[in-house]
Amino acid sequence: MTTAQSPEFEDLLREAFAPVEPPSDLSQRLEATLVNLTELAQDELEAWELSAMRDPRNWVRPVAAAAIGTTAGAALVVLRVRGQARRRRTERHGLGSVAERALHDVTAEARRLIDQGRKR
């Protein structure tokens, strides 16, 4: 490679690795998808009949629904807590208070999601 090609190559690399801003509504779309997955999993579990538990071949759907619902619910909690933390980022506190606040936010958000599920 000659030195004349080097600046072009570096420019191409800079352009290829330039940061890309995500769409502004990405967070809302992700949250809506996670809420939808959680609700669908909850509906699937509610529709499942306990009498079908005798046959192990019938366990796949409820186990998958429980796994998907749990994962989507946990991701939803993390997403909402991160959004709250981002809004409070201007406040600077010690590490202990930040960890305490994060634990409080996770607990509060999980309770809110569980209460929403019970109301349905």
C-alpha atoms as a PDB file:
ATOM      1  CA  MET A   1       0.000   0.000   0.000  1.00  0.00           C
ATOM      2  CA  THR A   2       1.380   3.376  -0.909  1.00  0.00           C
ATOM      3  CA  THR A   3       1.226   6.502   1.213  1.00  0.00           C
ATOM      4  CA  ALA A   4      -1.152   8.122  -1.284  1.00  0.00           C
ATOM      5  CA  GLN A   5      -3.782   5.462  -0.563  1.00  0.00           C
ATOM      6  CA  SER A   6      -3.422   5.670   3.199  1.00  0.00           C
ATOM      7  CA  PRO A   7      -5.453   8.881   3.811  1.00  0.00           C
ATOM      8  CA  GLU A   8      -8.313   7.526   1.694  1.00  0.00           C
ATOM      9  CA  PHE A   9      -8.291   4.283   3.643  1.00  0.00           C
ATOM     10  CA  GLU A  10      -8.280   6.140   6.969  1.00  0.00           C
ATOM     11  CA  ASP A  11     -11.170   8.312   5.800  1.00  0.00           C
ATOM     12  CA  LEU A  12     -13.126   5.216   4.829  1.00  0.00           C
ATOM     13  CA  LEU A  13     -12.454   3.660   8.226  1.00  0.00           C
ATOM     14  CA  ARG A  14     -13.526   6.850  10.040  1.00  0.00           C
ATOM     15  CA  GLU A  15     -16.716   6.946   8.003  1.00  0.00           C
ATOM     16  CA  ALA A  16     -17.421   3.257   8.594  1.00  0.00           C
ATOM     17  CA  PHE A  17     -16.954   3.514  12.359  1.00  0.00           C
ATOM     18  CA  ALA A  18     -18.738   6.827  12.847  1.00  0.00           C
ATOM     19  CA  PRO A  19     -21.289   6.682  15.654  1.00  0.00           C
ATOM     20  CA  VAL A  20     -24.869   6.196  14.524  1.00  0.00           C
ATOM     21  CA  GLU A  21     -27.684   7.761  16.503  1.00  0.00           C
ATOM     22  CA  PRO A  22     -30.616   5.420  17.096  1.00  0.00           C
ATOM     23  CA  PRO A  23     -34.083   6.558  16.009  1.00  0.00           C
ATOM     24  CA  SER A  24     -35.705   8.882  18.545  1.00  0.00           C
ATOM     25  CA  ASP A  25     -38.686   6.566  19.050  1.00  0.00           C
ATOM     26  CA  LEU A  26     -36.618   3.400  19.522  1.00  0.00           C
ATOM     27  CA  SER A  27     -37.150   3.350  23.278  1.00  0.00           C
ATOM     28  CA  GLN A  28     -40.935   3.693  22.939  1.00  0.00           C
ATOM     29  CA  ARG A  29     -41.086   0.987  20.255  1.00  0.00           C
ATOM     30  CA  LEU A  30     -38.963  -1.383  22.334  1.00  0.00           C
ATOM     31  CA  GLU A  31     -41.074  -0.737  25.424  1.00  0.00           C
ATOM     32  CA  ALA A  32     -44.308  -1.327  23.473  1.00  0.00           C
ATOM     33  CA  THR A  33     -42.931  -4.598  22.083  1.00  0.00           C
ATOM     34  CA  LEU A  34     -41.880  -5.796  25.538  1.00  0.00           C
ATOM     35  CA  VAL A  35     -45.285  -4.899  27.013  1.00  0.00           C
ATOM     36  CA  ASN A  36     -46.991  -6.752  24.155  1.00  0.00           C
ATOM     37  CA  LEU A  37     -44.827  -9.863  24.665  1.00  0.00           C
ATOM     38  CA  THR A  38     -45.507  -9.835  28.397  1.00  0.00           C
ATOM     39  CA  GLU A  39     -49.262  -9.541  27.854  1.00  0.00           C
ATOM     40  CA  LEU A  40     -49.301 -12.295  25.215  1.00  0.00           C
ATOM     41  CA  ALA A  41     -47.368 -14.625  27.507  1.00  0.00           C
ATOM     42  CA  GLN A  42     -49.738 -13.837  30.370  1.00  0.00           C
ATOM     43  CA  ASP A  43     -52.759 -14.537  28.150  1.00  0.00           C
ATOM     44  CA  GLU A  44     -51.232 -17.862  27.066  1.00  0.00           C
ATOM     45  CA  LEU A  45     -50.648 -18.899  30.673  1.00  0.00           C
ATOM     46  CA  GLU A  46     -54.178 -17.888  31.689  1.00  0.00           C
ATOM     47  CA  ALA A  47     -55.661 -19.943  28.840  1.00  0.00           C
ATOM     48  CA  TRP A  48     -53.683 -23.051  29.750  1.00  0.00           C
ATOM     49  CA  GLU A  49     -55.696 -25.717  31.502  1.00  0.00           C
ATOM     50  CA  LEU A  50     -54.264 -27.413  34.550  1.00  0.00           C
ATOM     51  CA  SER A  51     -55.765 -30.739  33.496  1.00  0.00           C
ATOM     52  CA  ALA A  52     -53.431 -30.751  30.461  1.00  0.00           C
ATOM     53  CA  MET A  53     -50.429 -31.002  32.781  1.00  0.00           C
ATOM     54  CA  ARG A  54     -50.644 -34.788  32.883  1.00  0.00           C
ATOM     55  CA  ASP A  55     -49.248 -35.048  29.370  1.00  0.00           C
ATOM     56  CA  PRO A  56     -45.668 -33.691  29.128  1.00  0.00           C
ATOM     57  CA  ARG A  57     -46.165 -32.921  25.436  1.00  0.00           C
ATOM     58  CA  ASN A  58     -48.493 -30.099  26.506  1.00  0.00           C
ATOM     59  CA  TRP A  59     -45.842 -28.443  28.671  1.00  0.00           C
ATOM     60  CA  VAL A  60     -43.960 -26.720  25.828  1.00  0.00           C
ATOM     61  CA  ARG A  61     -46.331 -23.781  25.304  1.00  0.00           C
ATOM     62  CA  PRO A  62     -46.743 -22.814  28.974  1.00  0.00           C
ATOM     63  CA  VAL A  63     -43.025 -23.203  29.671  1.00  0.00           C
ATOM     64  CA  ALA A  64     -42.192 -21.055  26.630  1.00  0.00           C
ATOM     65  CA  ALA A  65     -44.825 -18.490  27.652  1.00  0.00           C
ATOM     66  CA  ALA A  66     -43.414 -18.328  31.182  1.00  0.00           C
ATOM     67  CA  ALA A  67     -39.856 -17.912  29.891  1.00  0.00           C
ATOM     68  CA  ILE A  68     -40.817 -15.254  27.349  1.00  0.00           C
ATOM     69  CA  GLY A  69     -43.013 -13.397  29.830  1.00  0.00           C
ATOM     70  CA  THR A  70     -40.335 -13.414  32.513  1.00  0.00           C
ATOM     71  CA  THR A  71     -37.610 -12.283  30.130  1.00  0.00           C
ATOM     72  CA  ALA A  72     -39.745  -9.534  28.571  1.00  0.00           C
ATOM     73  CA  GLY A  73     -40.887  -8.357  32.004  1.00  0.00           C
ATOM     74  CA  ALA A  74     -37.325  -8.202  33.320  1.00  0.00           C
ATOM     75  CA  ALA A  75     -36.163  -6.350  30.195  1.00  0.00           C
ATOM     76  CA  LEU A  76     -39.056  -3.908  30.599  1.00  0.00           C
ATOM     77  CA  VAL A  77     -38.048  -3.220  34.200  1.00  0.00           C
ATOM     78  CA  VAL A  78     -34.429  -2.626  33.150  1.00  0.00           C
ATOM     79  CA  LEU A  79     -35.485  -0.363  30.276  1.00  0.00           C
ATOM     80  CA  ARG A  80     -37.711   1.771  32.491  1.00  0.00           C
ATOM     81  CA  VAL A  81     -35.158   2.003  35.295  1.00  0.00           C
ATOM     82  CA  ARG A  82     -32.461   3.071  32.831  1.00  0.00           C
ATOM     83  CA  GLY A  83     -34.788   5.741  31.478  1.00  0.00           C
ATOM     84  CA  GLN A  84     -35.393   7.055  34.976  1.00  0.00           C
ATOM     85  CA  ALA A  85     -31.664   7.024  35.722  1.00  0.00           C
ATOM     86  CA  ARG A  86     -30.938   8.888  32.500  1.00  0.00           C
ATOM     87  CA  ARG A  87     -33.406  11.616  33.491  1.00  0.00           C
ATOM     88  CA  ARG A  88     -31.715  11.976  36.865  1.00  0.00           C
ATOM     89  CA  ARG A  89     -28.194  11.933  35.500  1.00  0.00           C
ATOM     90  CA  THR A  90     -27.785  15.654  36.171  1.00  0.00           C
ATOM     91  CA  GLU A  91     -27.846  14.932  39.908  1.00  0.00           C
ATOM     92  CA  ARG A  92     -24.540  13.645  41.226  1.00  0.00           C
ATOM     93  CA  HIS A  93     -24.577  11.498  44.352  1.00  0.00           C
ATOM     94  CA  GLY A  94     -22.292   9.007  46.008  1.00  0.00           C
ATOM     95  CA  LEU A  95     -22.125   5.407  44.819  1.00  0.00           C
ATOM     96  CA  GLY A  96     -24.155   4.168  47.799  1.00  0.00           C
ATOM     97  CA  SER A  97     -27.090   6.463  47.099  1.00  0.00           C
ATOM     98  CA  VAL A  98     -27.005   5.621  43.386  1.00  0.00           C
ATOM     99  CA  ALA A  99     -27.135   1.878  44.134  1.00  0.00           C
ATOM    100  CA  GLU A 100     -29.886   2.412  46.707  1.00  0.00           C
ATOM    101  CA  ARG A 101     -31.916   4.469  44.248  1.00  0.00           C
ATOM    102  CA  ALA A 102     -31.456   1.870  41.488  1.00  0.00           C
ATOM    103  CA  LEU A 103     -32.626  -0.914  43.803  1.00  0.00           C
ATOM    104  CA  HIS A 104     -35.637   1.180  44.812  1.00  0.00           C
ATOM    105  CA  ASP A 105     -36.483   1.881  41.147  1.00  0.00           C
ATOM    106  CA  VAL A 106     -36.236  -1.807  40.170  1.00  0.00           C
ATOM    107  CA  THR A 107     -38.470  -2.833  43.071  1.00  0.00           C
ATOM    108  CA  ALA A 108     -41.041  -0.122  42.370  1.00  0.00           C
ATOM    109  CA  GLU A 109     -41.175  -0.873  38.636  1.00  0.00           C
ATOM    110  CA  ALA A 110     -41.496  -4.627  39.215  1.00  0.00           C
ATOM    111  CA  ARG A 111     -44.357  -4.046  41.662  1.00  0.00           C
ATOM    112  CA  ARG A 112     -46.082  -1.746  39.190  1.00  0.00           C
ATOM    113  CA  LEU A 113     -45.856  -4.346  36.413  1.00  0.00           C
ATOM    114  CA  ILE A 114     -47.141  -7.100  38.701  1.00  0.00           C
ATOM    115  CA  ASP A 115     -50.068  -4.903  39.785  1.00  0.00           C
ATOM    116  CA  GLN A 116     -50.894  -4.155  36.131  1.00  0.00           C
ATOM    117  CA  GLY A 117     -50.917  -7.884  35.409  1.00  0.00           C
ATOM    118  CA  ARG A 118     -53.305  -8.557  38.294  1.00  0.00           C
ATOM    119  CA  LYS A 119     -55.721  -5.869  37.146  1.00  0.00           C
ATOM    120  CA  ARG A 120     -56.049  -7.458  33.712  1.00  0.00           C
END
